[in-house]
Amino acid sequence: MLTGRTESGVELAVPEHAPEPASPSEEVAVQHVVLAEPVDAPVVAEVLAARAQVAAARAEAERLRERVRVLESWVAAAAQGRKVEYVQAQRLAMMKAVERDERFTFVLSLPLALLVLYCGALVVLVWLLLEGRI
């Protein structure tokens, strides 16, 4: 505990321990000073100024922590959006691949082969009829 006497001759005692960290919703609280022993005014002023700086630094740190939490949530949302875009792009690529495979499968399919064979047989039959062999 810091003790000293003020200019007016009043004794003043200030505890040395740091104040409890304030919650983000609370403003910087005024602490009551117990008058017990005389203390030099400059010492008391320095202690009170140091405590005010500590409280301001803690409030600033909490404000920055909140800002970091907001930024992390934005990054998470952007990452989720990228995942959705990636999945949609992959789905579109798969659909195009399936469509190409269906086209090539039709070209090499049994119905097409039978149609070509039928047309070839008709051409041969017409040619034989025109030549007079049948």
N, C-alpha and C. Protein backbone atom coordinates (compact mmCIF):
# COMPACT_ATOMS: atom_id res chain seq x y z
N MET A 1 0.85 -1.16 0.00
CA MET A 1 0.00 0.00 0.00
C MET A 1 0.90 1.23 0.00
N LEU A 2 0.59 2.18 -0.89
CA LEU A 2 1.34 3.42 -0.97
C LEU A 2 0.69 4.44 -0.05
N THR A 3 1.49 5.09 0.73
CA THR A 3 0.94 6.09 1.64
C THR A 3 1.71 7.39 1.46
N GLY A 4 1.08 8.48 1.84
CA GLY A 4 1.73 9.78 1.73
C GLY A 4 0.81 10.87 2.24
N ARG A 5 1.29 12.08 2.19
CA ARG A 5 0.54 13.22 2.69
C ARG A 5 0.32 14.18 1.51
N THR A 6 -0.92 14.68 1.36
CA THR A 6 -1.23 15.63 0.30
C THR A 6 -0.81 17.02 0.71
N GLU A 7 -0.95 17.98 -0.22
CA GLU A 7 -0.57 19.36 0.06
C GLU A 7 -1.38 19.96 1.20
N SER A 8 -2.60 19.51 1.34
CA SER A 8 -3.46 20.04 2.39
C SER A 8 -3.17 19.39 3.74
N GLY A 9 -2.27 18.42 3.78
CA GLY A 9 -1.89 17.79 5.02
C GLY A 9 -2.69 16.55 5.35
N VAL A 10 -3.55 16.12 4.46
CA VAL A 10 -4.37 14.93 4.69
C VAL A 10 -3.56 13.70 4.31
N GLU A 11 -3.62 12.67 5.16
CA GLU A 11 -2.92 11.43 4.86
C GLU A 11 -3.75 10.61 3.88
N LEU A 12 -3.04 9.97 2.96
CA LEU A 12 -3.72 9.24 1.89
C LEU A 12 -3.03 7.89 1.71
N ALA A 13 -3.81 6.81 1.59
CA ALA A 13 -3.27 5.47 1.35
C ALA A 13 -3.91 4.92 0.09
N VAL A 14 -3.08 4.37 -0.82
CA VAL A 14 -3.56 3.81 -2.09
C VAL A 14 -3.03 2.39 -2.19
N PRO A 15 -3.92 1.40 -2.43
CA PRO A 15 -3.45 0.02 -2.55
C PRO A 15 -2.59 -0.14 -3.81
N GLU A 16 -1.58 -1.03 -3.75
CA GLU A 16 -0.64 -1.24 -4.86
C GLU A 16 -1.16 -2.23 -5.90
N HIS A 17 -2.09 -3.10 -5.53
CA HIS A 17 -2.53 -4.12 -6.48
C HIS A 17 -3.30 -3.46 -7.63
N ALA A 18 -3.22 -4.12 -8.79
CA ALA A 18 -3.88 -3.59 -9.99
C ALA A 18 -5.38 -3.80 -9.87
N PRO A 19 -6.16 -2.90 -10.44
CA PRO A 19 -7.61 -3.05 -10.38
C PRO A 19 -8.06 -4.25 -11.23
N GLU A 20 -9.22 -4.77 -10.92
CA GLU A 20 -9.79 -5.89 -11.67
C GLU A 20 -10.08 -5.42 -13.09
N PRO A 21 -9.87 -6.30 -14.10
CA PRO A 21 -10.17 -5.88 -15.47
C PRO A 21 -11.67 -5.64 -15.63
N ALA A 22 -11.99 -4.54 -16.27
CA ALA A 22 -13.39 -4.18 -16.47
C ALA A 22 -13.97 -4.99 -17.62
N SER A 23 -15.25 -5.31 -17.52
CA SER A 23 -15.91 -6.01 -18.62
C SER A 23 -16.09 -5.03 -19.76
N PRO A 24 -16.26 -5.54 -20.99
CA PRO A 24 -16.35 -4.64 -22.14
C PRO A 24 -17.53 -3.68 -22.05
N SER A 25 -18.58 -4.07 -21.36
CA SER A 25 -19.75 -3.22 -21.31
C SER A 25 -19.62 -2.10 -20.27
N GLU A 26 -18.67 -2.24 -19.36
CA GLU A 26 -18.51 -1.22 -18.33
C GLU A 26 -17.55 -0.14 -18.80
N GLU A 27 -17.79 1.05 -18.36
CA GLU A 27 -16.87 2.14 -18.63
C GLU A 27 -15.79 2.11 -17.56
N VAL A 28 -14.79 2.95 -17.73
CA VAL A 28 -13.73 3.02 -16.73
C VAL A 28 -14.36 3.51 -15.43
N ALA A 29 -14.23 2.70 -14.41
CA ALA A 29 -14.88 3.03 -13.15
C ALA A 29 -13.95 3.88 -12.28
N VAL A 30 -14.55 4.74 -11.49
CA VAL A 30 -13.80 5.57 -10.56
C VAL A 30 -13.60 4.76 -9.30
N GLN A 31 -12.35 4.67 -8.84
CA GLN A 31 -12.06 3.92 -7.63
C GLN A 31 -11.99 4.88 -6.45
N HIS A 32 -12.53 4.43 -5.35
CA HIS A 32 -12.51 5.25 -4.15
C HIS A 32 -11.16 5.12 -3.47
N VAL A 33 -10.65 6.23 -3.03
CA VAL A 33 -9.36 6.26 -2.36
C VAL A 33 -9.61 6.41 -0.87
N VAL A 34 -8.95 5.56 -0.12
CA VAL A 34 -9.12 5.58 1.34
C VAL A 34 -8.08 6.52 1.92
N LEU A 35 -8.53 7.46 2.70
CA LEU A 35 -7.60 8.40 3.34
C LEU A 35 -7.16 7.81 4.67
N ALA A 36 -5.87 7.49 4.77
CA ALA A 36 -5.38 6.91 6.00
C ALA A 36 -4.12 7.60 6.47
N GLU A 37 -3.14 7.67 5.60
CA GLU A 37 -1.86 8.27 5.97
C GLU A 37 -1.53 9.35 4.94
N PRO A 38 -0.71 10.31 5.31
CA PRO A 38 -0.36 11.35 4.35
C PRO A 38 0.55 10.81 3.25
N VAL A 39 0.34 11.30 2.02
CA VAL A 39 1.12 10.91 0.85
C VAL A 39 1.45 12.18 0.07
N ASP A 40 2.59 12.17 -0.59
CA ASP A 40 2.94 13.32 -1.42
C ASP A 40 1.97 13.39 -2.59
N ALA A 41 1.52 14.57 -2.92
CA ALA A 41 0.56 14.76 -4.01
C ALA A 41 1.11 14.28 -5.35
N PRO A 42 2.36 14.54 -5.69
CA PRO A 42 2.86 14.05 -6.97
C PRO A 42 2.86 12.52 -7.05
N VAL A 43 3.14 11.85 -5.94
CA VAL A 43 3.14 10.38 -5.94
C VAL A 43 1.73 9.87 -6.18
N VAL A 44 0.76 10.45 -5.49
CA VAL A 44 -0.63 10.04 -5.67
C VAL A 44 -1.08 10.32 -7.09
N ALA A 45 -0.70 11.48 -7.61
CA ALA A 45 -1.09 11.83 -8.98
C ALA A 45 -0.48 10.84 -9.97
N GLU A 46 0.77 10.45 -9.75
CA GLU A 46 1.41 9.49 -10.64
C GLU A 46 0.72 8.14 -10.57
N VAL A 47 0.38 7.71 -9.36
CA VAL A 47 -0.30 6.42 -9.19
C VAL A 47 -1.65 6.44 -9.88
N LEU A 48 -2.40 7.52 -9.67
CA LEU A 48 -3.72 7.61 -10.29
C LEU A 48 -3.60 7.71 -11.80
N ALA A 49 -2.61 8.44 -12.29
CA ALA A 49 -2.41 8.53 -13.74
C ALA A 49 -2.03 7.17 -14.31
N ALA A 50 -1.19 6.43 -13.61
CA ALA A 50 -0.79 5.10 -14.07
C ALA A 50 -1.99 4.16 -14.10
N ARG A 51 -2.83 4.26 -13.07
CA ARG A 51 -4.03 3.41 -13.05
C ARG A 51 -4.98 3.78 -14.19
N ALA A 52 -5.10 5.06 -14.48
CA ALA A 52 -5.95 5.49 -15.59
C ALA A 52 -5.39 4.97 -16.91
N GLN A 53 -4.07 5.00 -17.05
CA GLN A 53 -3.46 4.48 -18.27
C GLN A 53 -3.68 2.98 -18.39
N VAL A 54 -3.58 2.27 -17.28
CA VAL A 54 -3.80 0.83 -17.30
C VAL A 54 -5.24 0.53 -17.71
N ALA A 55 -6.18 1.27 -17.13
CA ALA A 55 -7.59 1.05 -17.46
C ALA A 55 -7.86 1.38 -18.92
N ALA A 56 -7.26 2.47 -19.41
CA ALA A 56 -7.44 2.83 -20.82
C ALA A 56 -6.82 1.77 -21.73
N ALA A 57 -5.66 1.25 -21.35
CA ALA A 57 -5.01 0.21 -22.16
C ALA A 57 -5.84 -1.06 -22.18
N ARG A 58 -6.41 -1.42 -21.05
CA ARG A 58 -7.26 -2.62 -21.01
C ARG A 58 -8.51 -2.44 -21.87
N ALA A 59 -9.10 -1.24 -21.80
CA ALA A 59 -10.29 -0.98 -22.63
C ALA A 59 -9.92 -1.04 -24.11
N GLU A 60 -8.77 -0.48 -24.47
CA GLU A 60 -8.32 -0.53 -25.86
C GLU A 60 -8.04 -1.97 -26.29
N ALA A 61 -7.42 -2.75 -25.42
CA ALA A 61 -7.14 -4.15 -25.74
C ALA A 61 -8.44 -4.92 -25.96
N GLU A 62 -9.43 -4.67 -25.14
CA GLU A 62 -10.72 -5.36 -25.31
C GLU A 62 -11.40 -4.93 -26.60
N ARG A 63 -11.29 -3.64 -26.94
CA ARG A 63 -11.88 -3.16 -28.19
C ARG A 63 -11.19 -3.82 -29.37
N LEU A 64 -9.86 -3.96 -29.31
CA LEU A 64 -9.13 -4.61 -30.38
C LEU A 64 -9.45 -6.10 -30.47
N ARG A 65 -9.65 -6.76 -29.32
CA ARG A 65 -10.04 -8.19 -29.34
C ARG A 65 -11.39 -8.35 -30.02
N GLU A 66 -12.32 -7.45 -29.74
CA GLU A 66 -13.65 -7.52 -30.38
C GLU A 66 -13.51 -7.31 -31.89
N ARG A 67 -12.66 -6.39 -32.28
CA ARG A 67 -12.46 -6.14 -33.71
C ARG A 67 -11.84 -7.37 -34.38
N VAL A 68 -10.90 -8.03 -33.70
CA VAL A 68 -10.30 -9.25 -34.25
C VAL A 68 -11.36 -10.34 -34.40
N ARG A 69 -12.25 -10.46 -33.41
CA ARG A 69 -13.32 -11.47 -33.51
C ARG A 69 -14.21 -11.19 -34.72
N VAL A 70 -14.52 -9.92 -34.96
CA VAL A 70 -15.35 -9.56 -36.12
C VAL A 70 -14.62 -9.91 -37.41
N LEU A 71 -13.35 -9.56 -37.49
CA LEU A 71 -12.57 -9.86 -38.70
C LEU A 71 -12.45 -11.36 -38.92
N GLU A 72 -12.27 -12.13 -37.85
CA GLU A 72 -12.20 -13.59 -37.99
C GLU A 72 -13.52 -14.15 -38.50
N SER A 73 -14.64 -13.58 -38.06
CA SER A 73 -15.93 -14.06 -38.55
C SER A 73 -16.09 -13.73 -40.03
N TRP A 74 -15.58 -12.57 -40.46
CA TRP A 74 -15.63 -12.22 -41.89
C TRP A 74 -14.78 -13.19 -42.70
N VAL A 75 -13.62 -13.53 -42.21
CA VAL A 75 -12.74 -14.47 -42.91
C VAL A 75 -13.41 -15.84 -43.00
N ALA A 76 -14.03 -16.26 -41.92
CA ALA A 76 -14.72 -17.56 -41.93
C ALA A 76 -15.87 -17.56 -42.94
N ALA A 77 -16.62 -16.46 -43.00
CA ALA A 77 -17.73 -16.36 -43.96
C ALA A 77 -17.19 -16.37 -45.39
N ALA A 78 -16.09 -15.66 -45.63
CA ALA A 78 -15.51 -15.65 -46.97
C ALA A 78 -15.00 -17.04 -47.35
N ALA A 79 -14.39 -17.74 -46.41
CA ALA A 79 -13.91 -19.10 -46.68
C ALA A 79 -15.08 -20.02 -47.00
N GLN A 80 -16.17 -19.88 -46.27
CA GLN A 80 -17.35 -20.70 -46.54
C GLN A 80 -17.89 -20.40 -47.93
N GLY A 81 -17.91 -19.12 -48.31
CA GLY A 81 -18.36 -18.74 -49.65
C GLY A 81 -17.48 -19.34 -50.72
N ARG A 82 -16.17 -19.34 -50.47
CA ARG A 82 -15.24 -19.93 -51.45
C ARG A 82 -15.48 -21.43 -51.57
N LYS A 83 -15.78 -22.09 -50.46
CA LYS A 83 -16.06 -23.53 -50.52
C LYS A 83 -17.29 -23.79 -51.38
N VAL A 84 -18.33 -22.97 -51.20
CA VAL A 84 -19.56 -23.14 -51.98
C VAL A 84 -19.26 -22.92 -53.46
N GLU A 85 -18.50 -21.87 -53.78
CA GLU A 85 -18.15 -21.61 -55.18
C GLU A 85 -17.36 -22.77 -55.77
N TYR A 86 -16.44 -23.32 -54.99
CA TYR A 86 -15.63 -24.45 -55.47
C TYR A 86 -16.51 -25.66 -55.76
N VAL A 87 -17.43 -25.95 -54.85
CA VAL A 87 -18.32 -27.09 -55.04
C VAL A 87 -19.19 -26.88 -56.28
N GLN A 88 -19.70 -25.66 -56.46
CA GLN A 88 -20.52 -25.39 -57.64
C GLN A 88 -19.72 -25.52 -58.93
N ALA A 89 -18.47 -25.05 -58.93
CA ALA A 89 -17.62 -25.17 -60.11
C ALA A 89 -17.33 -26.64 -60.42
N GLN A 90 -17.07 -27.43 -59.38
CA GLN A 90 -16.82 -28.86 -59.59
C GLN A 90 -18.06 -29.56 -60.13
N ARG A 91 -19.22 -29.19 -59.61
CA ARG A 91 -20.48 -29.80 -60.07
C ARG A 91 -20.71 -29.46 -61.54
N LEU A 92 -20.46 -28.21 -61.93
CA LEU A 92 -20.63 -27.79 -63.32
C LEU A 92 -19.66 -28.54 -64.23
N ALA A 93 -18.42 -28.69 -63.81
CA ALA A 93 -17.44 -29.43 -64.60
C ALA A 93 -17.85 -30.89 -64.76
N MET A 94 -18.38 -31.49 -63.70
CA MET A 94 -18.84 -32.89 -63.79
C MET A 94 -20.02 -33.02 -64.75
N MET A 95 -20.93 -32.04 -64.71
CA MET A 95 -22.09 -32.10 -65.61
C MET A 95 -21.64 -31.99 -67.07
N LYS A 96 -20.66 -31.12 -67.35
CA LYS A 96 -20.15 -31.00 -68.72
C LYS A 96 -19.46 -32.29 -69.16
N ALA A 97 -18.71 -32.90 -68.26
CA ALA A 97 -18.04 -34.16 -68.59
C ALA A 97 -19.05 -35.26 -68.89
N VAL A 98 -20.10 -35.32 -68.10
CA VAL A 98 -21.15 -36.33 -68.33
C VAL A 98 -21.83 -36.09 -69.68
N GLU A 99 -22.06 -34.81 -70.00
CA GLU A 99 -22.69 -34.49 -71.28
C GLU A 99 -21.80 -34.92 -72.45
N ARG A 100 -20.48 -34.67 -72.36
CA ARG A 100 -19.55 -35.11 -73.41
C ARG A 100 -19.55 -36.63 -73.53
N ASP A 101 -19.54 -37.31 -72.39
CA ASP A 101 -19.54 -38.77 -72.41
C ASP A 101 -20.80 -39.31 -73.05
N GLU A 102 -21.93 -38.65 -72.79
CA GLU A 102 -23.19 -39.11 -73.39
C GLU A 102 -23.16 -38.95 -74.90
N ARG A 103 -22.55 -37.85 -75.39
CA ARG A 103 -22.46 -37.66 -76.84
C ARG A 103 -21.61 -38.75 -77.48
N PHE A 104 -20.44 -39.03 -76.91
CA PHE A 104 -19.57 -40.05 -77.47
C PHE A 104 -20.17 -41.44 -77.31
N THR A 105 -20.90 -41.66 -76.25
CA THR A 105 -21.54 -42.96 -76.05
C THR A 105 -22.61 -43.17 -77.11
N PHE A 106 -23.35 -42.10 -77.48
CA PHE A 106 -24.37 -42.25 -78.51
C PHE A 106 -23.73 -42.57 -79.85
N VAL A 107 -22.59 -41.94 -80.15
CA VAL A 107 -21.92 -42.18 -81.42
C VAL A 107 -21.49 -43.64 -81.52
N LEU A 108 -21.08 -44.22 -80.42
CA LEU A 108 -20.61 -45.60 -80.43
C LEU A 108 -21.66 -46.58 -79.93
N SER A 109 -22.91 -46.18 -79.94
CA SER A 109 -23.95 -47.03 -79.35
C SER A 109 -24.44 -48.10 -80.34
N LEU A 110 -25.11 -49.13 -79.84
CA LEU A 110 -25.65 -50.22 -80.65
C LEU A 110 -26.75 -49.74 -81.60
N PRO A 111 -27.68 -48.88 -81.17
CA PRO A 111 -28.70 -48.43 -82.14
C PRO A 111 -28.09 -47.71 -83.34
N LEU A 112 -27.05 -46.94 -83.10
CA LEU A 112 -26.43 -46.24 -84.22
C LEU A 112 -25.74 -47.25 -85.15
N ALA A 113 -25.08 -48.24 -84.58
CA ALA A 113 -24.43 -49.26 -85.40
C ALA A 113 -25.46 -50.02 -86.24
N LEU A 114 -26.60 -50.36 -85.66
CA LEU A 114 -27.66 -51.05 -86.42
C LEU A 114 -28.22 -50.16 -87.52
N LEU A 115 -28.35 -48.87 -87.26
CA LEU A 115 -28.85 -47.93 -88.27
C LEU A 115 -27.88 -47.84 -89.44
N VAL A 116 -26.58 -47.78 -89.16
CA VAL A 116 -25.58 -47.72 -90.22
C VAL A 116 -25.61 -49.02 -91.03
N LEU A 117 -25.74 -50.15 -90.37
CA LEU A 117 -25.81 -51.44 -91.07
C LEU A 117 -27.05 -51.51 -91.96
N TYR A 118 -28.17 -51.04 -91.48
CA TYR A 118 -29.42 -51.03 -92.25
C TYR A 118 -29.27 -50.14 -93.48
N CYS A 119 -28.71 -48.95 -93.29
CA CYS A 119 -28.54 -48.03 -94.42
C CYS A 119 -27.57 -48.62 -95.44
N GLY A 120 -26.53 -49.25 -94.98
CA GLY A 120 -25.58 -49.88 -95.90
C GLY A 120 -26.25 -50.99 -96.69
N ALA A 121 -27.08 -51.78 -96.03
CA ALA A 121 -27.80 -52.86 -96.72
C ALA A 121 -28.75 -52.29 -97.76
N LEU A 122 -29.41 -51.18 -97.46
CA LEU A 122 -30.30 -50.55 -98.43
C LEU A 122 -29.53 -50.03 -99.64
N VAL A 123 -28.39 -49.44 -99.40
CA VAL A 123 -27.57 -48.92 -100.50
C VAL A 123 -27.13 -50.08 -101.41
N VAL A 124 -26.69 -51.18 -100.82
CA VAL A 124 -26.27 -52.34 -101.61
C VAL A 124 -27.46 -52.91 -102.39
N LEU A 125 -28.60 -52.98 -101.76
CA LEU A 125 -29.80 -53.49 -102.43
C LEU A 125 -30.19 -52.60 -103.60
N VAL A 126 -30.18 -51.29 -103.43
CA VAL A 126 -30.53 -50.36 -104.51
C VAL A 126 -29.50 -50.48 -105.63
N TRP A 127 -28.24 -50.59 -105.29
CA TRP A 127 -27.20 -50.71 -106.31
C TRP A 127 -27.38 -52.00 -107.13
N LEU A 128 -27.68 -53.10 -106.41
CA LEU A 128 -27.90 -54.36 -107.11
C LEU A 128 -29.14 -54.29 -108.00
N LEU A 129 -30.17 -53.58 -107.56
CA LEU A 129 -31.36 -53.44 -108.38
C LEU A 129 -31.07 -52.61 -109.63
N LEU A 130 -30.29 -51.56 -109.46
CA LEU A 130 -29.96 -50.72 -110.61
C LEU A 130 -29.05 -51.45 -111.60
N GLU A 131 -28.22 -52.31 -111.16
CA GLU A 131 -27.32 -53.07 -112.02
C GLU A 131 -28.07 -54.22 -112.70
N GLY A 132 -29.20 -54.52 -112.18
CA GLY A 132 -30.01 -55.58 -112.77
C GLY A 132 -29.60 -56.97 -112.34
N ARG A 133 -28.91 -57.10 -111.30
CA ARG A 133 -28.50 -58.41 -110.81
C ARG A 133 -29.55 -59.07 -109.95
N ILE A 134 -30.49 -58.35 -109.56
CA ILE A 134 -31.56 -58.97 -108.77
C ILE A 134 -32.85 -58.89 -109.52
